[in-house]
């Protein structure tokens, strides 16, 4: 998952595998994207602790 700067804005994308290829999926920007990014970080941290 990554934040990308495009022009004056920051946009949040998720990387997902689809048919053996990695695709970037747009999630959003602003507060909603920040909440999703935080949830993704939390899930990743829990997964890595196992």
C-alpha atoms as a PDB file:
ATOM      1  CA  UNK A   1       0.000   0.000   0.000  1.00  0.00           C
ATOM      2  CA  UNK A   2       1.308   3.404  -0.813  1.00  0.00           C
ATOM      3  CA  UNK A   3       0.634   7.082  -0.768  1.00  0.00           C
ATOM      4  CA  UNK A   4       1.362   8.833  -4.057  1.00  0.00           C
ATOM      5  CA  UNK A   5       1.728  12.530  -4.663  1.00  0.00           C
ATOM      6  CA  UNK A   6       0.092  13.712  -7.862  1.00  0.00           C
ATOM      7  CA  UNK A   7       0.010  17.398  -8.460  1.00  0.00           C
ATOM      8  CA  UNK A   8      -0.953  19.047  -5.185  1.00  0.00           C
ATOM      9  CA  UNK A   9      -2.677  16.011  -3.679  1.00  0.00           C
ATOM     10  CA  UNK A  10      -1.823  12.798  -1.858  1.00  0.00           C
ATOM     11  CA  UNK A  11      -3.686   9.692  -2.985  1.00  0.00           C
ATOM     12  CA  UNK A  12      -3.764   6.275  -1.346  1.00  0.00           C
ATOM     13  CA  UNK A  13      -3.449   3.121  -3.441  1.00  0.00           C
ATOM     14  CA  UNK A  14      -3.424  -0.578  -2.580  1.00  0.00           C
ATOM     15  CA  UNK A  15      -1.323  -3.087  -4.483  1.00  0.00           C
ATOM     16  CA  UNK A  16      -3.199  -6.304  -5.212  1.00  0.00           C
ATOM     17  CA  UNK A  17      -2.352  -9.415  -7.199  1.00  0.00           C
ATOM     18  CA  UNK A  18      -4.701 -10.152 -10.067  1.00  0.00           C
ATOM     19  CA  UNK A  19      -4.048 -12.981 -12.516  1.00  0.00           C
ATOM     20  CA  UNK A  20      -0.403 -13.127 -11.445  1.00  0.00           C
ATOM     21  CA  UNK A  21       0.164  -9.398 -11.932  1.00  0.00           C
ATOM     22  CA  UNK A  22       0.334  -6.621  -9.384  1.00  0.00           C
ATOM     23  CA  UNK A  23      -2.289  -3.930  -9.892  1.00  0.00           C
ATOM     24  CA  UNK A  24      -2.645  -0.658  -8.050  1.00  0.00           C
ATOM     25  CA  UNK A  25      -6.187   0.077  -6.889  1.00  0.00           C
ATOM     26  CA  UNK A  26      -7.174   3.624  -6.019  1.00  0.00           C
ATOM     27  CA  UNK A  27      -8.586   3.903  -2.499  1.00  0.00           C
ATOM     28  CA  UNK A  28      -9.003   7.643  -2.068  1.00  0.00           C
ATOM     29  CA  UNK A  29      -7.608  10.752  -0.489  1.00  0.00           C
ATOM     30  CA  UNK A  30      -8.226  12.846   2.567  1.00  0.00           C
ATOM     31  CA  UNK A  31      -9.609  11.585   5.866  1.00  0.00           C
ATOM     32  CA  UNK A  32     -11.192   8.433   4.464  1.00  0.00           C
ATOM     33  CA  UNK A  33      -7.919   7.371   2.846  1.00  0.00           C
ATOM     34  CA  UNK A  34      -6.062   8.078   6.106  1.00  0.00           C
ATOM     35  CA  UNK A  35      -8.455   5.789   8.006  1.00  0.00           C
ATOM     36  CA  UNK A  36      -8.069   3.017   5.420  1.00  0.00           C
ATOM     37  CA  UNK A  37      -4.273   3.410   5.451  1.00  0.00           C
ATOM     38  CA  UNK A  38      -4.234   3.158   9.243  1.00  0.00           C
ATOM     39  CA  UNK A  39      -6.384   0.009   9.128  1.00  0.00           C
ATOM     40  CA  UNK A  40      -4.047  -1.492   6.503  1.00  0.00           C
ATOM     41  CA  UNK A  41      -1.005  -0.712   8.666  1.00  0.00           C
ATOM     42  CA  UNK A  42      -2.663  -2.314  11.693  1.00  0.00           C
ATOM     43  CA  UNK A  43      -3.547  -5.474   9.734  1.00  0.00           C
ATOM     44  CA  UNK A  44       0.001  -5.690   8.389  1.00  0.00           C
ATOM     45  CA  UNK A  45       1.500  -5.306  11.886  1.00  0.00           C
ATOM     46  CA  UNK A  46      -0.758  -8.038  13.291  1.00  0.00           C
ATOM     47  CA  UNK A  47       0.115 -10.354  10.406  1.00  0.00           C
ATOM     48  CA  UNK A  48       3.866  -9.771  10.891  1.00  0.00           C
ATOM     49  CA  UNK A  49       3.674 -10.554  14.639  1.00  0.00           C
ATOM     50  CA  UNK A  50       2.460 -14.096  13.977  1.00  0.00           C
END
